[in-house]
Amino acid sequence: MHVLHEVVGDIVAGRAVEFSLVRELQGLFGREEGRRRFTQLLERGVRSTAASTPSAPLSLDDDAFELLLYLINTTLMEMDAAPTPDIITARVLMHASTVIRRTSSDEFVQEFIKDHHVWEKMAFWEELVWDELAKKHREREGEGGGEVLHTVDPALTVWVVEHTAGKMLVWGVPQGHLKHFAVNMLDQAHVPSEASMTLLSRMSEDSFWDEARLRSVHGTLRERGRKEGRRQRLRARVHEHFAKRRERKERERMGAKKSSSRSLLPSATAGIPRSRSHSKPPPASDPPAPSPPPSDPDPSAAR
């Protein structure tokens, strides 16, 4: 696992990696534990890059792109051979493939991994719909001031199914399978027939699929922008919280310092001796009257 951590970290960071090290990891992907660990490291690397350059794809040179593509394809081939699909690993790889690109030709990993069988399995897409629906309901509850939604919102369900169908089309699922998938998901969510029929009638038109392709191609960038906006708002709230906390502590510290300074000041009566009986000192006597000035000498006596 240490070699896997080092290899993935070097590839994402754009550092040179020997292909012999990559080949050594091939046996690791035969186990679900190894595939999960690889996708965790990959997701962490993508997130760290997005944190430094928001809303920008992870751009790799030709060597790094080919090495990472080799690891992703190896993971997907092992998943295709597994008896049950690893939904979590597939979901991480699907997202990462839309944000990792080759710098020289502006090609994304997504274009090179569409042929794998995991994207054809309806169980993967059904799980994706439920996860997306749960996330949208949590966002709706947060926007509603904490109001808890006890039932599935039909309009929100139709929106999620519609957008998931567009993703499925881009990932190579035959268009003929998508209508059946939509009917199945809407039935499971108990969406009223009126809303279901509206979506299904739209899916019969060519314009619906043209719009679905455009939404799927450009939706990733918009979603990254929305996520980054939420992260920035969260960081601002955290910063404001700690700023107020520091300000409050500073006020408390200054208040304690002033109180300590007052206690150290000498008392106004400090150093004045007091009698044991604490009696008041006797009143001072009136000062003696000043003597009259001498009188002028008698001029006749002088003669």
Protein backbone atom coordinates (compact mmCIF):
# COMPACT_ATOMS: atom_id res chain seq x y z
CA MET A 1 0.00 0.00 0.00
CA HIS A 2 2.93 2.34 0.64
CA VAL A 3 4.09 2.01 -2.97
CA LEU A 4 0.53 2.74 -4.19
CA HIS A 5 0.36 5.88 -2.05
CA GLU A 6 3.72 7.07 -3.38
CA VAL A 7 2.92 6.32 -7.03
CA VAL A 8 -0.51 8.01 -7.04
CA GLY A 9 0.83 11.03 -5.18
CA ASP A 10 3.72 11.45 -7.63
CA ILE A 11 1.48 11.09 -10.69
CA VAL A 12 -1.06 13.64 -9.47
CA ALA A 13 1.73 16.04 -8.50
CA GLY A 14 3.35 15.68 -11.94
CA ARG A 15 6.52 14.02 -10.66
CA ALA A 16 8.34 11.34 -12.68
CA VAL A 17 7.37 7.73 -11.91
CA GLU A 18 9.04 4.57 -13.17
CA PHE A 19 6.69 2.30 -15.10
CA SER A 20 8.17 -0.70 -13.29
CA LEU A 21 6.64 0.60 -10.05
CA VAL A 22 3.26 0.90 -11.75
CA ARG A 23 3.49 -2.68 -13.02
CA GLU A 24 4.17 -3.91 -9.50
CA LEU A 25 0.76 -2.61 -8.44
CA GLN A 26 -1.19 -4.65 -10.99
CA GLY A 27 -1.84 -7.53 -8.61
CA LEU A 28 -3.21 -5.16 -6.00
CA PHE A 29 -6.25 -4.30 -8.15
CA GLY A 30 -7.45 -7.90 -8.18
CA ARG A 31 -8.82 -7.33 -4.67
CA GLU A 32 -11.65 -4.96 -3.85
CA GLU A 33 -9.63 -3.58 -0.95
CA GLY A 34 -6.83 -2.56 -3.31
CA ARG A 35 -9.25 -0.95 -5.79
CA ARG A 36 -10.94 1.00 -3.01
CA ARG A 37 -7.61 2.24 -1.68
CA PHE A 38 -6.53 3.37 -5.14
CA THR A 39 -9.72 5.36 -5.72
CA GLN A 40 -9.45 6.93 -2.25
CA LEU A 41 -5.94 8.18 -3.01
CA LEU A 42 -7.01 9.37 -6.44
CA GLU A 43 -10.01 11.24 -5.05
CA ARG A 44 -7.82 12.85 -2.40
CA GLY A 45 -5.35 14.01 -5.04
CA VAL A 46 -8.08 15.47 -7.22
CA ARG A 47 -9.58 17.32 -4.26
CA SER A 48 -6.24 18.77 -3.18
CA THR A 49 -5.70 20.08 -6.70
CA ALA A 50 -9.22 21.53 -6.83
CA ALA A 51 -8.60 23.30 -3.51
CA SER A 52 -5.60 25.15 -4.95
CA THR A 53 -7.16 25.84 -8.37
CA PRO A 54 -10.97 25.81 -8.02
CA SER A 55 -13.13 24.92 -11.04
CA ALA A 56 -10.04 23.90 -13.04
CA PRO A 57 -9.35 20.36 -14.33
CA LEU A 58 -6.35 18.35 -13.19
CA SER A 59 -3.94 18.72 -16.12
CA LEU A 60 -1.21 16.09 -16.58
CA ASP A 61 1.60 15.75 -19.08
CA ASP A 62 1.64 12.80 -21.48
CA ASP A 63 3.65 10.45 -19.23
CA ALA A 64 1.62 11.08 -16.10
CA PHE A 65 -1.66 10.88 -18.03
CA GLU A 66 -0.74 7.51 -19.58
CA LEU A 67 0.38 6.05 -16.24
CA LEU A 68 -2.80 7.12 -14.49
CA LEU A 69 -4.94 5.90 -17.37
CA TYR A 70 -3.20 2.52 -17.13
CA LEU A 71 -4.05 2.26 -13.42
CA ILE A 72 -7.68 3.29 -14.00
CA ASN A 73 -8.14 0.84 -16.88
CA THR A 74 -6.59 -1.94 -14.80
CA THR A 75 -9.00 -1.19 -11.98
CA LEU A 76 -12.02 -1.23 -14.32
CA MET A 77 -10.94 -4.46 -16.03
CA GLU A 78 -10.70 -6.19 -12.65
CA MET A 79 -14.12 -4.79 -11.75
CA ASP A 80 -15.58 -6.13 -15.01
CA ALA A 81 -14.36 -9.60 -14.04
CA ALA A 82 -15.71 -9.36 -10.48
CA PRO A 83 -19.03 -11.13 -9.73
CA THR A 84 -20.66 -7.96 -8.37
CA PRO A 85 -20.05 -4.36 -9.39
CA ASP A 86 -18.17 -2.14 -6.96
CA ILE A 87 -20.49 0.86 -7.05
CA ILE A 88 -18.35 3.11 -4.84
CA THR A 89 -15.16 2.60 -6.84
CA ALA A 90 -16.96 3.07 -10.16
CA ARG A 91 -18.59 6.30 -8.98
CA VAL A 92 -15.23 7.79 -7.91
CA LEU A 93 -13.59 6.82 -11.19
CA MET A 94 -16.50 8.24 -13.19
CA HIS A 95 -16.15 11.62 -11.48
CA ALA A 96 -12.33 11.66 -11.64
CA SER A 97 -12.36 10.84 -15.36
CA THR A 98 -14.29 14.04 -16.10
CA VAL A 99 -11.75 16.32 -14.38
CA ILE A 100 -8.41 14.71 -15.35
CA ARG A 101 -7.12 15.73 -18.76
CA ARG A 102 -4.04 15.48 -20.95
CA THR A 103 -2.46 18.91 -21.31
CA SER A 104 -1.07 18.40 -24.82
CA SER A 105 -4.36 17.45 -26.50
CA ASP A 106 -7.06 18.52 -24.01
CA GLU A 107 -8.37 14.93 -23.84
CA PHE A 108 -10.10 13.74 -20.68
CA VAL A 109 -9.78 10.26 -19.16
CA GLN A 110 -13.50 9.74 -19.72
CA GLU A 111 -12.98 9.31 -23.47
CA PHE A 112 -10.74 6.26 -22.88
CA ILE A 113 -12.76 4.25 -20.35
CA LYS A 114 -16.28 4.21 -21.80
CA ASP A 115 -15.99 0.66 -23.12
CA HIS A 116 -15.94 -1.04 -19.72
CA HIS A 117 -18.90 -3.16 -18.72
CA VAL A 118 -19.57 -1.43 -15.41
CA TRP A 119 -21.25 1.46 -17.23
CA GLU A 120 -23.71 -0.98 -18.83
CA LYS A 121 -24.93 -2.33 -15.51
CA MET A 122 -28.23 -0.82 -14.45
CA ALA A 123 -27.45 -1.50 -10.78
CA PHE A 124 -24.71 1.12 -10.91
CA TRP A 125 -26.98 3.79 -12.38
CA GLU A 126 -29.85 2.97 -10.03
CA GLU A 127 -27.54 3.44 -7.05
CA LEU A 128 -26.34 6.71 -8.58
CA VAL A 129 -29.93 7.98 -8.84
CA TRP A 130 -30.70 7.20 -5.20
CA ASP A 131 -27.48 8.82 -4.00
CA GLU A 132 -28.12 11.94 -6.07
CA LEU A 133 -31.75 12.09 -4.93
CA ALA A 134 -30.72 11.85 -1.27
CA LYS A 135 -28.16 14.63 -1.76
CA LYS A 136 -30.69 16.90 -3.45
CA HIS A 137 -33.20 16.35 -0.66
CA ARG A 138 -30.57 17.24 1.95
CA GLU A 139 -29.80 20.43 0.05
CA ARG A 140 -33.51 21.24 -0.16
CA GLU A 141 -33.89 20.71 3.59
CA GLY A 142 -30.91 22.99 4.25
CA GLU A 143 -32.32 25.72 2.02
CA GLY A 144 -35.69 25.39 3.73
CA GLY A 145 -34.32 26.33 7.14
CA GLY A 146 -34.10 22.79 8.49
CA GLU A 147 -37.49 21.60 7.26
CA VAL A 148 -37.44 17.79 7.01
CA LEU A 149 -38.90 16.25 3.85
CA HIS A 150 -40.67 13.04 4.83
CA THR A 151 -41.60 12.01 1.28
CA VAL A 152 -39.81 11.93 -2.04
CA ASP A 153 -40.39 15.09 -4.05
CA PRO A 154 -41.82 13.98 -7.43
CA ALA A 155 -40.49 17.01 -9.32
CA LEU A 156 -37.02 16.52 -7.85
CA THR A 157 -37.12 12.82 -8.69
CA VAL A 158 -38.03 13.53 -12.32
CA TRP A 159 -35.18 16.05 -12.52
CA VAL A 160 -32.62 13.55 -11.17
CA VAL A 161 -33.80 10.73 -13.45
CA GLU A 162 -33.74 13.04 -16.46
CA HIS A 163 -30.19 14.23 -15.80
CA THR A 164 -28.98 10.71 -15.01
CA ALA A 165 -30.35 9.54 -18.37
CA GLY A 166 -28.23 12.22 -20.04
CA LYS A 167 -25.12 10.95 -18.23
CA MET A 168 -25.90 7.39 -19.23
CA LEU A 169 -26.16 8.44 -22.87
CA VAL A 170 -22.73 10.11 -22.76
CA TRP A 171 -21.24 7.01 -21.11
CA GLY A 172 -22.36 4.78 -23.93
CA VAL A 173 -25.58 3.26 -22.65
CA PRO A 174 -27.83 2.59 -25.68
CA GLN A 175 -30.61 5.11 -26.02
CA GLY A 176 -33.20 2.34 -26.28
CA HIS A 177 -32.39 1.20 -22.71
CA LEU A 178 -32.80 4.62 -21.15
CA LYS A 179 -36.57 4.89 -21.43
CA HIS A 180 -37.02 1.55 -19.69
CA PHE A 181 -34.58 2.69 -17.00
CA ALA A 182 -36.54 5.91 -16.46
CA VAL A 183 -39.85 4.03 -16.16
CA ASN A 184 -38.34 1.64 -13.61
CA MET A 185 -36.86 4.41 -11.45
CA LEU A 186 -40.01 6.55 -11.50
CA ASP A 187 -42.08 3.53 -10.47
CA GLN A 188 -39.72 2.73 -7.60
CA ALA A 189 -39.96 6.34 -6.37
CA HIS A 190 -43.79 6.27 -6.65
CA VAL A 191 -43.85 9.34 -8.87
CA PRO A 192 -47.42 10.22 -9.98
CA SER A 193 -48.32 9.04 -13.45
CA GLU A 194 -48.86 12.57 -14.75
CA ALA A 195 -45.27 13.58 -14.03
CA SER A 196 -43.95 10.28 -15.38
CA MET A 197 -45.87 10.55 -18.65
CA THR A 198 -44.61 14.11 -19.18
CA LEU A 199 -40.98 12.98 -18.93
CA LEU A 200 -41.50 9.85 -21.04
CA SER A 201 -43.19 11.81 -23.82
CA ARG A 202 -40.26 14.24 -23.90
CA MET A 203 -37.82 11.33 -24.07
CA SER A 204 -39.48 10.30 -27.33
CA GLU A 205 -38.25 13.49 -29.02
CA ASP A 206 -34.79 13.91 -30.55
CA SER A 207 -34.42 17.37 -29.03
CA PHE A 208 -34.52 15.83 -25.55
CA TRP A 209 -31.40 13.77 -26.23
CA ASP A 210 -29.56 16.67 -27.84
CA GLU A 211 -30.21 18.73 -24.73
CA ALA A 212 -29.24 15.80 -22.50
CA ARG A 213 -25.85 15.50 -24.20
CA LEU A 214 -25.17 19.20 -23.77
CA ARG A 215 -26.22 19.14 -20.12
CA SER A 216 -23.99 16.18 -19.39
CA VAL A 217 -20.97 17.65 -21.16
CA HIS A 218 -21.21 21.07 -19.49
CA GLY A 219 -22.83 20.02 -16.25
CA THR A 220 -19.57 18.89 -14.68
CA LEU A 221 -18.05 22.36 -14.81
CA ARG A 222 -21.22 23.95 -13.42
CA GLU A 223 -21.35 21.40 -10.61
CA ARG A 224 -17.71 22.07 -9.74
CA GLY A 225 -18.51 25.79 -9.68
CA ARG A 226 -21.48 25.24 -7.35
CA LYS A 227 -19.44 23.02 -5.04
CA GLU A 228 -16.64 25.55 -4.90
CA GLY A 229 -19.17 28.28 -4.12
CA ARG A 230 -20.52 26.22 -1.22
CA ARG A 231 -16.96 25.56 0.01
CA GLN A 232 -16.15 29.27 -0.11
CA ARG A 233 -19.30 30.16 1.83
CA LEU A 234 -18.46 27.51 4.42
CA ARG A 235 -14.89 28.79 4.73
CA ALA A 236 -16.23 32.34 5.17
CA ARG A 237 -18.57 31.22 7.96
CA VAL A 238 -15.78 29.31 9.70
CA HIS A 239 -13.45 32.30 9.37
CA GLU A 240 -16.11 34.62 10.80
CA HIS A 241 -16.76 32.23 13.69
CA PHE A 242 -13.11 32.05 14.69
CA ALA A 243 -12.61 35.79 14.21
CA LYS A 244 -15.46 36.49 16.65
CA ARG A 245 -14.04 33.90 19.01
CA ARG A 246 -10.60 35.54 18.92
CA GLU A 247 -12.16 38.97 19.43
CA ARG A 248 -14.14 37.74 22.44
CA LYS A 249 -11.06 36.15 23.99
CA GLU A 250 -9.07 39.34 23.41
CA ARG A 251 -11.76 41.39 25.17
CA GLU A 252 -11.74 38.95 28.09
CA ARG A 253 -7.94 39.10 28.28
CA MET A 254 -7.90 42.91 28.26
CA GLY A 255 -10.62 43.00 30.92
CA ALA A 256 -8.66 40.63 33.13
CA LYS A 257 -5.51 42.70 32.61
CA LYS A 258 -7.26 45.94 33.64
CA SER A 259 -8.73 44.28 36.72
CA SER A 260 -5.30 43.00 37.72
CA SER A 261 -3.76 46.46 37.24
CA ARG A 262 -6.39 48.07 39.49
CA SER A 263 -5.73 45.56 42.24
CA LEU A 264 -2.00 46.37 42.18
CA LEU A 265 -2.44 50.19 42.55
CA PRO A 266 -1.50 51.57 46.12
CA SER A 267 -4.42 52.67 48.27
CA ALA A 268 -4.98 56.40 48.86
CA THR A 269 -4.49 55.91 52.62
CA ALA A 270 -1.60 53.48 52.38
CA GLY A 271 1.33 54.45 54.67
CA ILE A 272 -0.74 56.63 57.04
CA PRO A 273 -0.30 55.40 60.63
CA ARG A 274 -3.47 54.72 62.52
CA SER A 275 -4.02 54.64 66.29
CA ARG A 276 -4.88 51.36 67.89
CA SER A 277 -8.25 52.68 69.00
CA HIS A 278 -8.96 53.94 65.51
CA SER A 279 -10.25 57.17 67.14
CA LYS A 280 -10.39 60.33 65.19
CA PRO A 281 -7.46 62.72 65.73
CA PRO A 282 -8.25 65.73 68.00
CA PRO A 283 -9.20 68.89 66.19
CA ALA A 284 -6.36 71.32 65.68
CA SER A 285 -6.35 74.49 67.95
CA ASP A 286 -6.81 77.90 66.44
CA PRO A 287 -3.53 79.50 65.46
CA PRO A 288 -2.36 82.45 67.68
CA ALA A 289 -3.40 85.93 66.54
CA PRO A 290 -0.64 87.84 64.82
CA SER A 291 1.12 90.58 66.94
CA PRO A 292 0.38 94.20 65.95
CA PRO A 293 3.04 95.99 63.94
CA PRO A 294 5.40 98.34 65.91
CA SER A 295 4.22 101.99 66.20
CA ASP A 296 6.17 104.91 64.76
CA PRO A 297 8.71 106.51 67.24
CA ASP A 298 7.69 109.87 68.88
CA PRO A 299 9.56 112.64 67.09
CA SER A 300 9.64 114.83 70.20
CA ALA A 301 11.41 112.12 72.18
CA ALA A 302 14.10 111.97 69.57
CA ARG A 303 14.81 115.64 70.06
